[in-house]
Amino acid sequence: MKQSMARRRAQAFFLILLSVCATPIAFAQAPYPARALHMIVPQPPGGAVDTVSRLLALKLSDLLKQSVLVENRPGGGTVVSTQAIARAAPDGYTFGMVLPAHVINPTLRSDLPYDTLKDFTPLTLLGSSTLALVAHPSLPVSSVKELIELANSQQGRLEFASLGVGNTTHLAGELFNTMTGVRMLHIPYNGSPPAYQDMLAGRVKLGYVTLQSSMPHFKAGRLKILAILNAKRSREYPELPIIAETVKGYRVESFMGFVAPAALARDTAARLSGDLIRVLRAEDTRAKLVGFGIDPTASSAEEFDAFIREEIVRWAPIVKAAGLKP
């Protein structure tokens, strides 16, 4: 009798202990996401990148039923923001946007505070902006072929504007020099406004800019668009030629993508990547991105990982040949 009562008490105690121990386990496995997410952005508020980020944060918030907070971390050629992503907890609540500097910096800088290939979980390639090669009306060329001929006759005297040292527009010009054998001098500007000021005045007669920003000047006859830099002709402006039609294999796109910290659990990474892709593939989101001059991609995480690795290899010799310094 005493042994039976002792056995029952022991069983009751074990059940109580089991229920107490199970409580924190159930709490730890709360459905993801259970709180607000943070999207780290490498540009200051008010610019095109920030505008796109806030659009997507709002759409993702609606999908997840959780707030998605945009954190602007500009500086260091996007190193500041990218380092913040790398150092964040790998719990799925912090991720961020990366730009072309993400694949250029590994060659450009020997002091990166993170490893581009090891310290991140790729999520999706958002899309790319179309870049254009534009010229002042007084430049006596109307095609890429004629530009190459002119540049060959003026080696070292023809200049091209870019939107900053190490910027995609700068490397676009260096790639053109490398692939055609011409030597045009680089004139960097701190963004579009000062670059357009000099190009519209004819002080610099050639430049690499975003197609979207150049269209008003093109339509007004203040600039000529010699070609766009994509691998294929634009769906929106199919009449515009591409450089690759003259210089085989030439391709430059200004991309945007999302990454999270390394060591992110596989199921959480798949969920976050999948939700971002769903947002990007929604018709209303795609329409707004196209309106911003972005060609939406919404790639898989595996495709974006392969893209990053290929772009690092592709740009490394161009960065070295140009002698770029951070």
C-alpha atoms as a PDB file:
ATOM      1  CA  MET A   1       0.000   0.000   0.000  1.00  0.00           C
ATOM      2  CA  LYS A   2       2.746   2.449   1.034  1.00  0.00           C
ATOM      3  CA  GLN A   3       4.779   1.487  -2.034  1.00  0.00           C
ATOM      4  CA  SER A   4       1.732   2.103  -4.304  1.00  0.00           C
ATOM      5  CA  MET A   5       1.126   5.574  -2.824  1.00  0.00           C
ATOM      6  CA  ALA A   6       4.824   6.436  -3.147  1.00  0.00           C
ATOM      7  CA  ARG A   7       4.772   5.317  -6.760  1.00  0.00           C
ATOM      8  CA  ARG A   8       1.721   7.505  -7.498  1.00  0.00           C
ATOM      9  CA  ARG A   9       3.333  10.512  -5.809  1.00  0.00           C
ATOM     10  CA  ALA A  10       6.506   9.986  -7.832  1.00  0.00           C
ATOM     11  CA  GLN A  11       4.497   9.797 -11.053  1.00  0.00           C
ATOM     12  CA  ALA A  12       2.580  12.981 -10.160  1.00  0.00           C
ATOM     13  CA  PHE A  13       5.822  14.814  -9.349  1.00  0.00           C
ATOM     14  CA  PHE A  14       7.324  13.664 -12.675  1.00  0.00           C
ATOM     15  CA  LEU A  15       4.288  14.946 -14.608  1.00  0.00           C
ATOM     16  CA  ILE A  16       4.469  18.336 -12.862  1.00  0.00           C
ATOM     17  CA  LEU A  17       8.201  18.565 -13.562  1.00  0.00           C
ATOM     18  CA  LEU A  18       7.661  17.661 -17.211  1.00  0.00           C
ATOM     19  CA  SER A  19       4.977  20.337 -17.662  1.00  0.00           C
ATOM     20  CA  VAL A  20       7.211  23.000 -16.072  1.00  0.00           C
ATOM     21  CA  CYS A  21      10.169  22.066 -18.283  1.00  0.00           C
ATOM     22  CA  ALA A  22       8.002  22.028 -21.382  1.00  0.00           C
ATOM     23  CA  THR A  23       6.791  25.602 -20.884  1.00  0.00           C
ATOM     24  CA  PRO A  24       9.976  27.463 -21.984  1.00  0.00           C
ATOM     25  CA  ILE A  25      10.381  25.029 -24.899  1.00  0.00           C
ATOM     26  CA  ALA A  26       6.938  25.932 -26.215  1.00  0.00           C
ATOM     27  CA  PHE A  27       7.728  29.636 -25.754  1.00  0.00           C
ATOM     28  CA  ALA A  28      11.031  29.346 -27.645  1.00  0.00           C
ATOM     29  CA  GLN A  29       9.263  27.759 -30.580  1.00  0.00           C
ATOM     30  CA  ALA A  30       6.797  30.621 -31.098  1.00  0.00           C
ATOM     31  CA  PRO A  31       5.818  30.989 -34.778  1.00  0.00           C
ATOM     32  CA  TYR A  32       8.159  33.136 -36.885  1.00  0.00           C
ATOM     33  CA  PRO A  33       7.955  36.070 -37.116  1.00  0.00           C
ATOM     34  CA  ALA A  34       6.773  36.926 -33.623  1.00  0.00           C
ATOM     35  CA  ARG A  35       8.012  40.549 -33.569  1.00  0.00           C
ATOM     36  CA  ALA A  36       9.171  43.400 -35.791  1.00  0.00           C
ATOM     37  CA  LEU A  37      11.839  42.860 -38.456  1.00  0.00           C
ATOM     38  CA  HIS A  38      14.657  45.287 -39.299  1.00  0.00           C
ATOM     39  CA  MET A  39      15.703  46.053 -42.878  1.00  0.00           C
ATOM     40  CA  ILE A  40      19.149  47.704 -43.048  1.00  0.00           C
ATOM     41  CA  VAL A  41      19.621  50.006 -46.055  1.00  0.00           C
ATOM     42  CA  PRO A  42      22.995  51.334 -47.312  1.00  0.00           C
ATOM     43  CA  GLN A  43      21.746  54.742 -48.477  1.00  0.00           C
ATOM     44  CA  PRO A  44      20.390  57.796 -46.605  1.00  0.00           C
ATOM     45  CA  PRO A  45      16.678  58.623 -46.456  1.00  0.00           C
ATOM     46  CA  GLY A  46      15.063  60.252 -49.457  1.00  0.00           C
ATOM     47  CA  GLY A  47      16.997  58.647 -52.308  1.00  0.00           C
ATOM     48  CA  ALA A  48      15.877  56.080 -54.854  1.00  0.00           C
ATOM     49  CA  VAL A  49      17.248  53.132 -52.864  1.00  0.00           C
ATOM     50  CA  ASP A  50      15.491  54.326 -49.714  1.00  0.00           C
ATOM     51  CA  THR A  51      12.225  54.780 -51.617  1.00  0.00           C
ATOM     52  CA  VAL A  52      12.373  51.224 -52.957  1.00  0.00           C
ATOM     53  CA  SER A  53      13.289  49.874 -49.515  1.00  0.00           C
ATOM     54  CA  ARG A  54      10.329  51.541 -47.816  1.00  0.00           C
ATOM     55  CA  LEU A  55       7.937  50.302 -50.489  1.00  0.00           C
ATOM     56  CA  LEU A  56       9.108  46.723 -49.970  1.00  0.00           C
ATOM     57  CA  ALA A  57       9.144  47.065 -46.172  1.00  0.00           C
ATOM     58  CA  LEU A  58       5.496  48.125 -46.278  1.00  0.00           C
ATOM     59  CA  LYS A  59       4.525  45.250 -48.586  1.00  0.00           C
ATOM     60  CA  LEU A  60       6.415  42.704 -46.482  1.00  0.00           C
ATOM     61  CA  SER A  61       4.842  44.068 -43.312  1.00  0.00           C
ATOM     62  CA  ASP A  62       1.381  43.563 -44.810  1.00  0.00           C
ATOM     63  CA  LEU A  63       2.264  39.986 -45.721  1.00  0.00           C
ATOM     64  CA  LEU A  64       3.835  39.042 -42.387  1.00  0.00           C
ATOM     65  CA  LYS A  65       1.434  41.014 -40.167  1.00  0.00           C
ATOM     66  CA  GLN A  66       4.509  42.398 -38.407  1.00  0.00           C
ATOM     67  CA  SER A  67       6.272  45.752 -38.648  1.00  0.00           C
ATOM     68  CA  VAL A  68       9.316  45.920 -40.924  1.00  0.00           C
ATOM     69  CA  LEU A  69      11.487  48.842 -39.804  1.00  0.00           C
ATOM     70  CA  VAL A  70      13.888  50.474 -42.261  1.00  0.00           C
ATOM     71  CA  GLU A  71      17.262  51.402 -40.777  1.00  0.00           C
ATOM     72  CA  ASN A  72      19.379  53.716 -42.948  1.00  0.00           C
ATOM     73  CA  ARG A  73      23.094  53.028 -42.417  1.00  0.00           C
ATOM     74  CA  PRO A  74      24.956  54.987 -45.145  1.00  0.00           C
ATOM     75  CA  GLY A  75      28.718  55.341 -45.329  1.00  0.00           C
ATOM     76  CA  GLY A  76      31.939  53.597 -46.234  1.00  0.00           C
ATOM     77  CA  GLY A  77      30.888  52.622 -49.734  1.00  0.00           C
ATOM     78  CA  THR A  78      28.080  50.492 -48.197  1.00  0.00           C
ATOM     79  CA  VAL A  79      30.539  48.853 -45.767  1.00  0.00           C
ATOM     80  CA  VAL A  80      28.794  50.390 -42.727  1.00  0.00           C
ATOM     81  CA  SER A  81      25.425  48.839 -43.531  1.00  0.00           C
ATOM     82  CA  THR A  82      26.827  45.522 -44.726  1.00  0.00           C
ATOM     83  CA  GLN A  83      28.897  45.147 -41.556  1.00  0.00           C
ATOM     84  CA  ALA A  84      25.757  45.793 -39.487  1.00  0.00           C
ATOM     85  CA  ILE A  85      24.000  42.940 -41.295  1.00  0.00           C
ATOM     86  CA  ALA A  86      26.958  40.600 -40.779  1.00  0.00           C
ATOM     87  CA  ARG A  87      27.079  41.336 -37.028  1.00  0.00           C
ATOM     88  CA  ALA A  88      23.330  41.012 -36.436  1.00  0.00           C
ATOM     89  CA  ALA A  89      21.905  37.983 -34.653  1.00  0.00           C
ATOM     90  CA  PRO A  90      21.128  35.188 -37.163  1.00  0.00           C
ATOM     91  CA  ASP A  91      17.529  34.873 -36.018  1.00  0.00           C
ATOM     92  CA  GLY A  92      15.657  36.083 -39.110  1.00  0.00           C
ATOM     93  CA  TYR A  93      14.735  39.453 -37.629  1.00  0.00           C
ATOM     94  CA  THR A  94      17.499  41.463 -39.292  1.00  0.00           C
ATOM     95  CA  PHE A  95      18.327  41.503 -42.996  1.00  0.00           C
ATOM     96  CA  GLY A  96      19.395  44.161 -45.430  1.00  0.00           C
ATOM     97  CA  MET A  97      19.902  45.427 -48.939  1.00  0.00           C
ATOM     98  CA  VAL A  98      23.153  45.150 -50.869  1.00  0.00           C
ATOM     99  CA  LEU A  99      24.174  47.070 -53.988  1.00  0.00           C
ATOM    100  CA  PRO A 100      26.938  46.555 -56.613  1.00  0.00           C
ATOM    101  CA  ALA A 101      29.556  47.661 -54.069  1.00  0.00           C
ATOM    102  CA  HIS A 102      28.905  44.313 -52.375  1.00  0.00           C
ATOM    103  CA  VAL A 103      30.684  42.501 -55.222  1.00  0.00           C
ATOM    104  CA  ILE A 104      33.215  45.263 -55.927  1.00  0.00           C
ATOM    105  CA  ASN A 105      34.482  45.850 -52.377  1.00  0.00           C
ATOM    106  CA  PRO A 106      36.147  42.410 -51.982  1.00  0.00           C
ATOM    107  CA  THR A 107      38.635  43.462 -54.674  1.00  0.00           C
ATOM    108  CA  LEU A 108      38.641  47.188 -53.953  1.00  0.00           C
ATOM    109  CA  ARG A 109      39.301  46.943 -50.213  1.00  0.00           C
ATOM    110  CA  SER A 110      41.748  44.780 -48.296  1.00  0.00           C
ATOM    111  CA  ASP A 111      40.345  45.920 -44.938  1.00  0.00           C
ATOM    112  CA  LEU A 112      36.757  44.686 -45.142  1.00  0.00           C
ATOM    113  CA  PRO A 113      35.466  43.884 -41.623  1.00  0.00           C
ATOM    114  CA  TYR A 114      33.565  40.870 -42.973  1.00  0.00           C
ATOM    115  CA  ASP A 115      33.889  38.087 -45.533  1.00  0.00           C
ATOM    116  CA  THR A 116      31.519  38.715 -48.444  1.00  0.00           C
ATOM    117  CA  LEU A 117      31.075  35.010 -49.201  1.00  0.00           C
ATOM    118  CA  LYS A 118      31.104  33.545 -45.688  1.00  0.00           C
ATOM    119  CA  ASP A 119      29.333  36.068 -43.461  1.00  0.00           C
ATOM    120  CA  PHE A 120      25.969  36.334 -45.238  1.00  0.00           C
ATOM    121  CA  THR A 121      22.935  34.302 -46.221  1.00  0.00           C
ATOM    122  CA  PRO A 122      21.743  35.396 -49.701  1.00  0.00           C
ATOM    123  CA  LEU A 123      17.966  35.799 -49.859  1.00  0.00           C
ATOM    124  CA  THR A 124      16.990  37.144 -53.291  1.00  0.00           C
ATOM    125  CA  LEU A 125      18.153  39.357 -56.141  1.00  0.00           C
ATOM    126  CA  LEU A 126      15.555  42.148 -56.126  1.00  0.00           C
ATOM    127  CA  GLY A 127      16.284  43.466 -59.613  1.00  0.00           C
ATOM    128  CA  SER A 128      18.451  45.894 -61.545  1.00  0.00           C
ATOM    129  CA  SER A 129      18.392  49.454 -62.815  1.00  0.00           C
ATOM    130  CA  THR A 130      19.165  50.109 -66.459  1.00  0.00           C
ATOM    131  CA  LEU A 131      22.235  52.241 -67.096  1.00  0.00           C
ATOM    132  CA  ALA A 132      22.814  54.323 -70.216  1.00  0.00           C
ATOM    133  CA  LEU A 133      25.738  55.775 -72.130  1.00  0.00           C
ATOM    134  CA  VAL A 134      24.770  59.354 -72.986  1.00  0.00           C
ATOM    135  CA  ALA A 135      26.444  62.115 -74.974  1.00  0.00           C
ATOM    136  CA  HIS A 136      26.090  65.857 -75.444  1.00  0.00           C
ATOM    137  CA  PRO A 137      24.519  66.758 -78.819  1.00  0.00           C
ATOM    138  CA  SER A 138      27.755  68.469 -79.860  1.00  0.00           C
ATOM    139  CA  LEU A 139      29.733  65.212 -79.705  1.00  0.00           C
ATOM    140  CA  PRO A 140      29.959  64.077 -83.354  1.00  0.00           C
ATOM    141  CA  VAL A 141      28.844  60.484 -82.809  1.00  0.00           C
ATOM    142  CA  SER A 142      25.462  58.775 -82.957  1.00  0.00           C
ATOM    143  CA  SER A 143      26.419  55.158 -82.178  1.00  0.00           C
ATOM    144  CA  VAL A 144      28.808  53.076 -80.109  1.00  0.00           C
ATOM    145  CA  LYS A 145      30.760  52.187 -83.255  1.00  0.00           C
ATOM    146  CA  GLU A 146      31.319  55.862 -84.057  1.00  0.00           C
ATOM    147  CA  LEU A 147      32.286  56.543 -80.429  1.00  0.00           C
ATOM    148  CA  ILE A 148      34.983  53.858 -80.554  1.00  0.00           C
ATOM    149  CA  GLU A 149      36.353  55.348 -83.767  1.00  0.00           C
ATOM    150  CA  LEU A 150      36.400  58.850 -82.245  1.00  0.00           C
ATOM    151  CA  ALA A 151      38.001  57.624 -79.014  1.00  0.00           C
ATOM    152  CA  ASN A 152      40.705  55.802 -80.989  1.00  0.00           C
ATOM    153  CA  SER A 153      41.544  59.038 -82.801  1.00  0.00           C
ATOM    154  CA  GLN A 154      41.688  60.967 -79.519  1.00  0.00           C
ATOM    155  CA  GLN A 155      43.363  58.485 -77.172  1.00  0.00           C
ATOM    156  CA  GLY A 156      43.446  59.954 -73.682  1.00  0.00           C
ATOM    157  CA  ARG A 157      41.621  63.163 -74.570  1.00  0.00           C
ATOM    158  CA  LEU A 158      37.971  62.092 -74.577  1.00  0.00           C
ATOM    159  CA  GLU A 159      36.408  62.164 -71.097  1.00  0.00           C
ATOM    160  CA  PHE A 160      33.477  60.345 -69.517  1.00  0.00           C
ATOM    161  CA  ALA A 161      31.511  61.292 -66.415  1.00  0.00           C
ATOM    162  CA  SER A 162      30.445  58.855 -63.720  1.00  0.00           C
ATOM    163  CA  LEU A 163      28.428  59.154 -60.522  1.00  0.00           C
ATOM    164  CA  GLY A 164      31.432  58.515 -58.281  1.00  0.00           C
ATOM    165  CA  VAL A 165      34.708  56.625 -57.915  1.00  0.00           C
ATOM    166  CA  GLY A 166      34.064  52.888 -57.670  1.00  0.00           C
ATOM    167  CA  ASN A 167      30.417  53.413 -58.591  1.00  0.00           C
ATOM    168  CA  THR A 168      28.883  51.042 -61.137  1.00  0.00           C
ATOM    169  CA  THR A 169      28.840  53.886 -63.667  1.00  0.00           C
ATOM    170  CA  HIS A 170      32.579  54.332 -63.172  1.00  0.00           C
ATOM    171  CA  LEU A 171      33.296  50.650 -63.690  1.00  0.00           C
ATOM    172  CA  ALA A 172      31.028  50.656 -66.735  1.00  0.00           C
ATOM    173  CA  GLY A 173      33.402  53.138 -68.349  1.00  0.00           C
ATOM    174  CA  GLU A 174      36.485  51.194 -67.304  1.00  0.00           C
ATOM    175  CA  LEU A 175      34.972  47.990 -68.693  1.00  0.00           C
ATOM    176  CA  PHE A 176      34.249  49.766 -71.983  1.00  0.00           C
ATOM    177  CA  ASN A 177      37.876  50.951 -72.129  1.00  0.00           C
ATOM    178  CA  THR A 178      39.163  47.443 -71.414  1.00  0.00           C
ATOM    179  CA  MET A 179      36.935  45.641 -73.902  1.00  0.00           C
ATOM    180  CA  THR A 180      37.415  48.102 -76.773  1.00  0.00           C
ATOM    181  CA  GLY A 181      41.045  49.086 -76.219  1.00  0.00           C
ATOM    182  CA  VAL A 182      40.247  52.803 -76.130  1.00  0.00           C
ATOM    183  CA  ARG A 183      41.485  55.143 -73.409  1.00  0.00           C
ATOM    184  CA  MET A 184      38.888  57.635 -72.198  1.00  0.00           C
ATOM    185  CA  LEU A 185      39.562  59.629 -69.041  1.00  0.00           C
ATOM    186  CA  HIS A 186      37.319  59.240 -66.021  1.00  0.00           C
ATOM    187  CA  ILE A 187      35.722  62.339 -64.453  1.00  0.00           C
ATOM    188  CA  PRO A 188      33.926  61.359 -61.213  1.00  0.00           C
ATOM    189  CA  TYR A 189      31.035  63.329 -59.721  1.00  0.00           C
ATOM    190  CA  ASN A 190      29.303  63.109 -56.373  1.00  0.00           C
ATOM    191  CA  GLY A 191      25.988  61.859 -57.731  1.00  0.00           C
ATOM    192  CA  SER A 192      23.719  62.774 -60.625  1.00  0.00           C
ATOM    193  CA  PRO A 193      23.046  66.536 -60.159  1.00  0.00           C
ATOM    194  CA  PRO A 194      26.639  67.792 -60.614  1.00  0.00           C
ATOM    195  CA  ALA A 195      27.300  65.234 -63.363  1.00  0.00           C
ATOM    196  CA  TYR A 196      24.270  66.386 -65.359  1.00  0.00           C
ATOM    197  CA  GLN A 197      25.158  70.019 -64.772  1.00  0.00           C
ATOM    198  CA  ASP A 198      28.473  69.592 -66.581  1.00  0.00           C
ATOM    199  CA  MET A 199      27.159  67.211 -69.243  1.00  0.00           C
ATOM    200  CA  LEU A 200      24.226  69.459 -70.155  1.00  0.00           C
ATOM    201  CA  ALA A 201      26.619  72.394 -70.415  1.00  0.00           C
ATOM    202  CA  GLY A 202      28.899  70.348 -72.678  1.00  0.00           C
ATOM    203  CA  ARG A 203      31.901  70.614 -70.356  1.00  0.00           C
ATOM    204  CA  VAL A 204      32.015  66.811 -70.280  1.00  0.00           C
ATOM    205  CA  LYS A 205      30.476  65.373 -73.410  1.00  0.00           C
ATOM    206  CA  LEU A 206      30.016  61.738 -72.417  1.00  0.00           C
ATOM    207  CA  GLY A 207      28.714  59.956 -69.351  1.00  0.00           C
ATOM    208  CA  TYR A 208      27.337  56.783 -67.762  1.00  0.00           C
ATOM    209  CA  VAL A 209      24.099  57.391 -65.868  1.00  0.00           C
ATOM    210  CA  THR A 210      20.837  55.647 -65.020  1.00  0.00           C
ATOM    211  CA  LEU A 211      18.462  55.450 -67.964  1.00  0.00           C
ATOM    212  CA  GLN A 212      15.552  56.682 -65.856  1.00  0.00           C
ATOM    213  CA  SER A 213      17.337  59.920 -64.907  1.00  0.00           C
ATOM    214  CA  SER A 214      18.494  60.578 -68.479  1.00  0.00           C
ATOM    215  CA  MET A 215      15.110  60.243 -70.197  1.00  0.00           C
ATOM    216  CA  PRO A 216      13.830  63.804 -69.551  1.00  0.00           C
ATOM    217  CA  HIS A 217      17.058  65.241 -71.026  1.00  0.00           C
ATOM    218  CA  PHE A 218      16.904  62.793 -73.935  1.00  0.00           C
ATOM    219  CA  LYS A 219      13.286  63.646 -74.747  1.00  0.00           C
ATOM    220  CA  ALA A 220      14.081  67.365 -74.577  1.00  0.00           C
ATOM    221  CA  GLY A 221      17.009  66.934 -76.970  1.00  0.00           C
ATOM    222  CA  ARG A 222      19.573  68.023 -74.404  1.00  0.00           C
ATOM    223  CA  LEU A 223      21.406  64.665 -74.441  1.00  0.00           C
ATOM    224  CA  LYS A 224      21.760  61.739 -76.836  1.00  0.00           C
ATOM    225  CA  ILE A 225      21.430  58.153 -75.627  1.00  0.00           C
ATOM    226  CA  LEU A 226      24.044  56.179 -77.537  1.00  0.00           C
ATOM    227  CA  ALA A 227      23.166  52.843 -75.945  1.00  0.00           C
ATOM    228  CA  ILE A 228      22.036  51.105 -72.780  1.00  0.00           C
ATOM    229  CA  LEU A 229      24.282  48.753 -70.840  1.00  0.00           C
ATOM    230  CA  ASN A 230      22.009  45.736 -70.321  1.00  0.00           C
ATOM    231  CA  ALA A 231      22.615  42.379 -71.958  1.00  0.00           C
ATOM    232  CA  LYS A 232      19.248  42.670 -73.737  1.00  0.00           C
ATOM    233  CA  ARG A 233      17.229  45.549 -75.122  1.00  0.00           C
ATOM    234  CA  SER A 234      14.826  47.280 -72.771  1.00  0.00           C
ATOM    235  CA  ARG A 235      11.206  46.119 -72.872  1.00  0.00           C
ATOM    236  CA  GLU A 236      10.130  49.692 -72.182  1.00  0.00           C
ATOM    237  CA  TYR A 237      12.444  51.296 -74.767  1.00  0.00           C
ATOM    238  CA  PRO A 238      13.138  48.585 -77.363  1.00  0.00           C
ATOM    239  CA  GLU A 239      14.322  51.171 -79.889  1.00  0.00           C
ATOM    240  CA  LEU A 240      17.445  51.911 -77.841  1.00  0.00           C
ATOM    241  CA  PRO A 241      20.476  49.820 -78.868  1.00  0.00           C
ATOM    242  CA  ILE A 242      22.700  48.000 -76.364  1.00  0.00           C
ATOM    243  CA  ILE A 243      26.486  48.256 -76.221  1.00  0.00           C
ATOM    244  CA  ALA A 244      26.732  44.460 -76.572  1.00  0.00           C
ATOM    245  CA  GLU A 245      25.465  44.720 -80.142  1.00  0.00           C
ATOM    246  CA  THR A 246      28.790  46.398 -80.948  1.00  0.00           C
ATOM    247  CA  VAL A 247      31.020  45.145 -78.116  1.00  0.00           C
ATOM    248  CA  LYS A 248      30.199  41.455 -77.717  1.00  0.00           C
ATOM    249  CA  GLY A 249      29.769  40.337 -74.127  1.00  0.00           C
ATOM    250  CA  TYR A 250      29.520  43.822 -72.636  1.00  0.00           C
ATOM    251  CA  ARG A 251      27.004  43.976 -69.767  1.00  0.00           C
ATOM    252  CA  VAL A 252      26.622  46.234 -66.744  1.00  0.00           C
ATOM    253  CA  GLU A 253      23.593  46.427 -64.471  1.00  0.00           C
ATOM    254  CA  SER A 254      23.126  48.239 -61.173  1.00  0.00           C
ATOM    255  CA  PHE A 255      21.506  45.571 -58.990  1.00  0.00           C
ATOM    256  CA  MET A 256      19.777  45.466 -55.620  1.00  0.00           C
ATOM    257  CA  GLY A 257      19.469  42.364 -53.476  1.00  0.00           C
ATOM    258  CA  PHE A 258      18.771  41.165 -49.953  1.00  0.00           C
ATOM    259  CA  VAL A 259      21.014  39.207 -47.578  1.00  0.00           C
ATOM    260  CA  ALA A 260      20.829  38.124 -43.945  1.00  0.00           C
ATOM    261  CA  PRO A 261      23.561  37.169 -41.460  1.00  0.00           C
ATOM    262  CA  ALA A 262      25.370  33.863 -41.872  1.00  0.00           C
ATOM    263  CA  ALA A 263      24.310  30.853 -39.762  1.00  0.00           C
ATOM    264  CA  LEU A 264      20.640  31.688 -40.244  1.00  0.00           C
ATOM    265  CA  ALA A 265      18.580  28.533 -39.721  1.00  0.00           C
ATOM    266  CA  ARG A 266      17.697  26.926 -43.048  1.00  0.00           C
ATOM    267  CA  ASP A 267      13.941  26.960 -42.487  1.00  0.00           C
ATOM    268  CA  THR A 268      13.982  30.609 -41.361  1.00  0.00           C
ATOM    269  CA  ALA A 269      16.111  31.610 -44.357  1.00  0.00           C
ATOM    270  CA  ALA A 270      13.734  29.793 -46.691  1.00  0.00           C
ATOM    271  CA  ARG A 271      10.725  31.510 -45.109  1.00  0.00           C
ATOM    272  CA  LEU A 272      12.242  35.012 -45.297  1.00  0.00           C
ATOM    273  CA  SER A 273      13.514  34.483 -48.832  1.00  0.00           C
ATOM    274  CA  GLY A 274      10.171  33.079 -49.952  1.00  0.00           C
ATOM    275  CA  ASP A 275       8.224  35.975 -48.440  1.00  0.00           C
ATOM    276  CA  LEU A 276      10.477  38.550 -50.115  1.00  0.00           C
ATOM    277  CA  ILE A 277      10.043  36.770 -53.444  1.00  0.00           C
ATOM    278  CA  ARG A 278       6.249  36.739 -53.002  1.00  0.00           C
ATOM    279  CA  VAL A 279       6.290  40.496 -52.389  1.00  0.00           C
ATOM    280  CA  LEU A 280       8.530  41.161 -55.394  1.00  0.00           C
ATOM    281  CA  ARG A 281       6.411  39.022 -57.720  1.00  0.00           C
ATOM    282  CA  ALA A 282       3.129  40.701 -56.768  1.00  0.00           C
ATOM    283  CA  GLU A 283       1.751  42.611 -59.759  1.00  0.00           C
ATOM    284  CA  ASP A 284       1.315  45.927 -57.933  1.00  0.00           C
ATOM    285  CA  THR A 285       4.857  45.755 -56.544  1.00  0.00           C
ATOM    286  CA  ARG A 286       6.328  44.929 -59.942  1.00  0.00           C
ATOM    287  CA  ALA A 287       4.453  47.834 -61.531  1.00  0.00           C
ATOM    288  CA  LYS A 288       5.817  50.287 -58.976  1.00  0.00           C
ATOM    289  CA  LEU A 289       9.383  48.977 -59.341  1.00  0.00           C
ATOM    290  CA  VAL A 290       9.193  49.331 -63.124  1.00  0.00           C
ATOM    291  CA  GLY A 291       7.980  52.880 -62.551  1.00  0.00           C
ATOM    292  CA  PHE A 292      11.143  53.499 -60.533  1.00  0.00           C
ATOM    293  CA  GLY A 293      13.241  52.268 -63.466  1.00  0.00           C
ATOM    294  CA  ILE A 294      13.938  48.847 -61.946  1.00  0.00           C
ATOM    295  CA  ASP A 295      13.620  45.557 -63.797  1.00  0.00           C
ATOM    296  CA  PRO A 296      12.348  43.128 -61.102  1.00  0.00           C
ATOM    297  CA  THR A 297      14.097  39.750 -60.839  1.00  0.00           C
ATOM    298  CA  ALA A 298      12.985  38.070 -57.588  1.00  0.00           C
ATOM    299  CA  SER A 299      15.535  35.268 -57.921  1.00  0.00           C
ATOM    300  CA  SER A 300      15.881  32.268 -55.643  1.00  0.00           C
ATOM    301  CA  ALA A 301      18.434  32.417 -52.834  1.00  0.00           C
ATOM    302  CA  GLU A 302      20.621  29.898 -54.683  1.00  0.00           C
ATOM    303  CA  GLU A 303      20.536  31.977 -57.871  1.00  0.00           C
ATOM    304  CA  PHE A 304      21.493  35.121 -55.962  1.00  0.00           C
ATOM    305  CA  ASP A 305      24.380  33.317 -54.260  1.00  0.00           C
ATOM    306  CA  ALA A 306      25.698  32.201 -57.669  1.00  0.00           C
ATOM    307  CA  PHE A 307      25.227  35.726 -59.037  1.00  0.00           C
ATOM    308  CA  ILE A 308      27.290  37.271 -56.208  1.00  0.00           C
ATOM    309  CA  ARG A 309      30.144  34.814 -56.750  1.00  0.00           C
ATOM    310  CA  GLU A 310      30.153  35.357 -60.518  1.00  0.00           C
ATOM    311  CA  GLU A 311      30.086  39.152 -60.193  1.00  0.00           C
ATOM    312  CA  ILE A 312      33.033  39.204 -57.766  1.00  0.00           C
ATOM    313  CA  VAL A 313      35.095  37.232 -60.273  1.00  0.00           C
ATOM    314  CA  ARG A 314      33.885  39.342 -63.215  1.00  0.00           C
ATOM    315  CA  TRP A 315      34.693  42.725 -61.688  1.00  0.00           C
ATOM    316  CA  ALA A 316      37.999  41.852 -60.017  1.00  0.00           C
ATOM    317  CA  PRO A 317      40.209  42.337 -63.120  1.00  0.00           C
ATOM    318  CA  ILE A 318      38.392  45.565 -64.040  1.00  0.00           C
ATOM    319  CA  VAL A 319      38.936  47.037 -60.571  1.00  0.00           C
ATOM    320  CA  LYS A 320      42.604  46.042 -60.639  1.00  0.00           C
ATOM    321  CA  ALA A 321      43.181  47.308 -64.195  1.00  0.00           C
ATOM    322  CA  ALA A 322      41.639  50.669 -63.301  1.00  0.00           C
ATOM    323  CA  GLY A 323      43.905  50.947 -60.249  1.00  0.00           C
ATOM    324  CA  LEU A 324      40.937  51.854 -58.049  1.00  0.00           C
ATOM    325  CA  LYS A 325      41.501  52.806 -54.410  1.00  0.00           C
ATOM    326  CA  PRO A 326      38.825  53.108 -51.715  1.00  0.00           C
END
